[in-house]
Amino acid sequence: MRTVARTLGVVFLVAAFAVPAAEVAPDALVKTTVDEVLSVIKQKKDKRTLHDLAEKKVLPHFDFQAMTRLAMGKSWREANPDQQSKLENAFRGLLVNTYTTALGQNTTSDAAVEVKPVQVKSDQDDVTVKTVARQSGRQPVTIDYRMTRTSGGWKVYDVIVENLSLVTNYRSSFAAEIGRSGIDGLIKTIEAKNQKLAEG
């Protein structure tokens, strides 16, 4: 159930952030775009379309440096600038390839998302947007988007699917790999996984 929930979280994560975020309230950003993007992925699921959807509509609204730093934990400070850059690019690629696969396999024709209203104060720079994703034949999935206000609008730095943090999940697997083969080994492992996902 947790694996399905995480996968559905990826699907609806993609659907939620497809318009420019500047000057748009975080909950409004989710609410006004999810139906449009779900409509696209319900009609066309070829790999190129899904990859372009992730690249052009979703990733600009993510703070990948923050996500990578959080996923690396204390090991981020041990990485040199070149390693940090490679890690960020590899992590970005991992999410793109994961999204593409999930979108093609896990979106039904009646998929829908309920967005919970959130009050944001003028001086508030961190917010959690709560949503519930529903599809026929499956239990509803709660998905929380942790977002931070930046000069480029609201950006996502973590996703909580059924109380499981995307960043925390990767932190555990990254730490294990670093323990086995070091930071360079982690980079190679992520890059190899990206290559496999891209070819599949």
Protein backbone atom coordinates (compact mmCIF):
# COMPACT_ATOMS: atom_id res chain seq x y z
CA MET A 1 0.00 0.00 0.00
CA ARG A 2 2.83 2.39 0.85
CA THR A 3 4.52 1.76 -2.50
CA VAL A 4 1.27 2.49 -4.35
CA ALA A 5 0.72 5.60 -2.26
CA ARG A 6 4.19 6.93 -2.99
CA THR A 7 3.72 6.27 -6.70
CA LEU A 8 0.37 8.05 -6.73
CA GLY A 9 2.03 10.88 -4.89
CA VAL A 10 4.46 11.26 -7.77
CA VAL A 11 1.61 11.29 -10.28
CA PHE A 12 -0.36 14.00 -8.53
CA LEU A 13 2.79 15.89 -7.66
CA VAL A 14 3.36 16.37 -11.38
CA ALA A 15 -0.20 17.49 -11.92
CA ALA A 16 -0.10 20.08 -9.21
CA PHE A 17 2.58 22.50 -10.39
CA ALA A 18 2.16 23.34 -14.05
CA VAL A 19 1.72 27.12 -14.19
CA PRO A 20 4.05 29.96 -13.18
CA ALA A 21 4.15 30.24 -9.41
CA ALA A 22 5.00 33.93 -9.05
CA GLU A 23 2.23 35.92 -7.34
CA VAL A 24 0.02 32.82 -7.10
CA ALA A 25 -0.98 31.51 -3.68
CA PRO A 26 0.32 27.98 -3.13
CA ASP A 27 -3.09 26.34 -2.74
CA ALA A 28 -4.45 28.25 -5.74
CA LEU A 29 -1.46 27.09 -7.78
CA VAL A 30 -2.38 23.49 -7.04
CA LYS A 31 -6.13 23.89 -7.45
CA THR A 32 -6.14 25.76 -10.77
CA THR A 33 -3.69 23.50 -12.58
CA VAL A 34 -4.35 19.96 -11.46
CA ASP A 35 -7.40 19.36 -13.66
CA GLU A 36 -5.68 20.67 -16.77
CA VAL A 37 -2.58 18.55 -16.37
CA LEU A 38 -4.50 15.43 -15.42
CA SER A 39 -6.51 15.91 -18.59
CA VAL A 40 -3.32 15.89 -20.64
CA ILE A 41 -1.86 12.76 -19.09
CA LYS A 42 -5.16 10.88 -19.32
CA GLN A 43 -5.27 11.43 -23.07
CA LYS A 44 -1.64 10.97 -24.04
CA LYS A 45 0.87 8.77 -22.25
CA ASP A 46 3.75 8.31 -24.67
CA LYS A 47 7.12 8.62 -22.97
CA ARG A 48 8.25 11.78 -24.77
CA THR A 49 5.06 13.68 -23.89
CA LEU A 50 5.33 12.65 -20.25
CA HIS A 51 9.01 13.53 -20.08
CA ASP A 52 8.37 16.96 -21.59
CA LEU A 53 5.49 17.48 -19.15
CA ALA A 54 7.78 16.87 -16.21
CA GLU A 55 10.64 18.96 -17.61
CA LYS A 56 8.64 21.98 -18.73
CA LYS A 57 5.68 22.14 -16.37
CA VAL A 58 6.86 20.70 -13.08
CA LEU A 59 10.57 21.02 -12.40
CA PRO A 60 10.75 24.83 -12.55
CA HIS A 61 8.64 24.84 -9.38
CA PHE A 62 11.07 22.73 -7.35
CA ASP A 63 13.99 23.89 -5.25
CA PHE A 64 16.32 21.05 -6.19
CA GLN A 65 19.29 22.40 -4.31
CA ALA A 66 17.27 22.48 -1.10
CA MET A 67 15.81 19.03 -1.77
CA THR A 68 19.23 17.54 -2.49
CA ARG A 69 20.76 19.19 0.56
CA LEU A 70 17.99 17.87 2.80
CA ALA A 71 18.17 14.39 1.26
CA MET A 72 21.93 14.27 1.80
CA GLY A 73 21.76 15.40 5.43
CA LYS A 74 25.16 15.92 7.05
CA SER A 75 26.89 14.34 4.05
CA TRP A 76 26.03 17.43 1.99
CA ARG A 77 28.65 19.44 3.90
CA GLU A 78 31.21 16.71 3.27
CA ALA A 79 30.73 16.91 -0.50
CA ASN A 80 32.88 19.32 -2.50
CA PRO A 81 31.24 21.84 -4.88
CA ASP A 82 31.72 19.56 -7.91
CA GLN A 83 30.11 16.63 -6.09
CA GLN A 84 27.24 18.84 -4.91
CA SER A 85 26.54 19.96 -8.47
CA LYS A 86 26.63 16.38 -9.76
CA LEU A 87 24.36 15.22 -6.93
CA GLU A 88 21.80 17.93 -7.65
CA ASN A 89 21.75 17.11 -11.38
CA ALA A 90 21.54 13.37 -10.72
CA PHE A 91 18.72 13.80 -8.19
CA ARG A 92 16.84 16.02 -10.62
CA GLY A 93 17.20 13.37 -13.31
CA LEU A 94 16.02 10.67 -10.92
CA LEU A 95 12.81 12.56 -10.19
CA VAL A 96 12.19 13.26 -13.89
CA ASN A 97 12.54 9.60 -14.81
CA THR A 98 10.48 8.47 -11.82
CA TYR A 99 7.68 10.91 -12.75
CA THR A 100 7.66 9.77 -16.35
CA THR A 101 7.32 6.12 -15.38
CA ALA A 102 4.66 6.80 -12.74
CA LEU A 103 2.57 8.99 -15.01
CA GLY A 104 2.45 6.35 -17.70
CA GLN A 105 1.47 3.53 -15.38
CA ASN A 106 -0.65 4.91 -12.58
CA THR A 107 -3.20 7.48 -13.77
CA THR A 108 -6.79 6.35 -14.32
CA SER A 109 -9.48 8.16 -16.30
CA ASP A 110 -11.31 9.30 -13.16
CA ALA A 111 -8.30 10.57 -11.21
CA ALA A 112 -9.03 13.69 -9.17
CA VAL A 113 -7.44 15.78 -6.44
CA GLU A 114 -9.07 17.71 -3.60
CA VAL A 115 -7.01 20.69 -2.45
CA LYS A 116 -7.46 21.93 1.10
CA PRO A 117 -7.56 25.73 1.50
CA VAL A 118 -4.60 27.28 3.29
CA GLN A 119 -4.20 30.73 4.80
CA VAL A 120 -0.85 32.36 4.03
CA LYS A 121 0.28 35.46 5.92
CA SER A 122 2.11 38.20 4.03
CA ASP A 123 5.31 37.56 5.98
CA GLN A 124 5.06 33.76 5.84
CA ASP A 125 7.70 32.04 3.72
CA ASP A 126 6.93 28.38 4.42
CA VAL A 127 3.63 26.56 3.99
CA THR A 128 2.17 23.08 3.64
CA VAL A 129 -0.58 22.53 1.08
CA LYS A 130 -2.67 19.47 1.93
CA THR A 131 -4.43 17.46 -0.78
CA VAL A 132 -6.26 14.16 -1.20
CA ALA A 133 -5.83 12.16 -4.41
CA ARG A 134 -8.60 9.79 -5.47
CA GLN A 135 -8.90 7.12 -8.15
CA SER A 136 -11.47 4.37 -8.58
CA GLY A 137 -10.58 1.05 -7.03
CA ARG A 138 -7.97 2.59 -4.73
CA GLN A 139 -7.93 4.11 -1.29
CA PRO A 140 -7.66 7.91 -1.16
CA VAL A 141 -4.07 9.09 -0.77
CA THR A 142 -3.12 12.13 1.31
CA ILE A 143 -0.36 14.23 -0.21
CA ASP A 144 1.14 17.27 1.49
CA TYR A 145 3.37 19.69 -0.41
CA ARG A 146 5.92 21.57 1.67
CA MET A 147 6.69 24.82 -0.11
CA THR A 148 8.87 27.84 0.44
CA ARG A 149 8.45 31.37 -0.87
CA THR A 150 11.32 32.43 -3.15
CA SER A 151 12.05 35.32 -5.50
CA GLY A 152 10.67 33.10 -8.27
CA GLY A 153 7.45 32.25 -6.47
CA TRP A 154 6.48 29.30 -4.29
CA LYS A 155 8.69 26.23 -4.75
CA VAL A 156 8.40 22.67 -3.47
CA TYR A 157 11.15 21.29 -1.26
CA ASP A 158 9.45 18.15 0.07
CA VAL A 159 6.39 15.99 -0.51
CA ILE A 160 4.68 13.97 2.23
CA VAL A 161 2.68 11.00 0.90
CA GLU A 162 0.61 9.20 3.53
CA ASN A 163 2.86 10.72 6.22
CA LEU A 164 6.00 9.51 4.42
CA SER A 165 8.47 12.22 3.41
CA LEU A 166 10.04 11.98 -0.05
CA VAL A 167 13.18 13.71 1.23
CA THR A 168 13.44 11.51 4.32
CA ASN A 169 12.95 8.38 2.22
CA TYR A 170 15.81 9.35 -0.08
CA ARG A 171 17.96 10.40 2.90
CA SER A 172 17.86 6.85 4.23
CA SER A 173 18.79 5.25 0.91
CA PHE A 174 21.45 7.87 0.16
CA ALA A 175 23.06 7.40 3.58
CA ALA A 176 23.19 3.64 3.08
CA GLU A 177 24.84 4.00 -0.33
CA ILE A 178 27.35 6.55 0.98
CA GLY A 179 28.22 4.12 3.76
CA ARG A 180 28.95 1.44 1.16
CA SER A 181 30.73 3.41 -1.57
CA GLY A 182 31.11 7.05 -0.59
CA ILE A 183 29.68 10.17 -2.20
CA ASP A 184 31.17 9.40 -5.62
CA GLY A 185 29.64 5.94 -5.39
CA LEU A 186 26.23 7.46 -4.67
CA ILE A 187 26.53 9.72 -7.70
CA LYS A 188 27.40 6.76 -9.92
CA THR A 189 24.51 4.72 -8.50
CA ILE A 190 21.95 7.47 -9.17
CA GLU A 191 23.32 8.10 -12.66
CA ALA A 192 23.16 4.38 -13.45
CA LYS A 193 19.57 4.22 -12.23
CA ASN A 194 18.69 7.24 -14.37
CA GLN A 195 20.18 5.54 -17.41
CA LYS A 196 18.20 2.37 -16.75
CA LEU A 197 14.94 4.28 -16.25
CA ALA A 198 15.53 6.34 -19.39
CA GLU A 199 16.12 3.22 -21.46
CA GLY A 200 13.11 1.40 -19.98
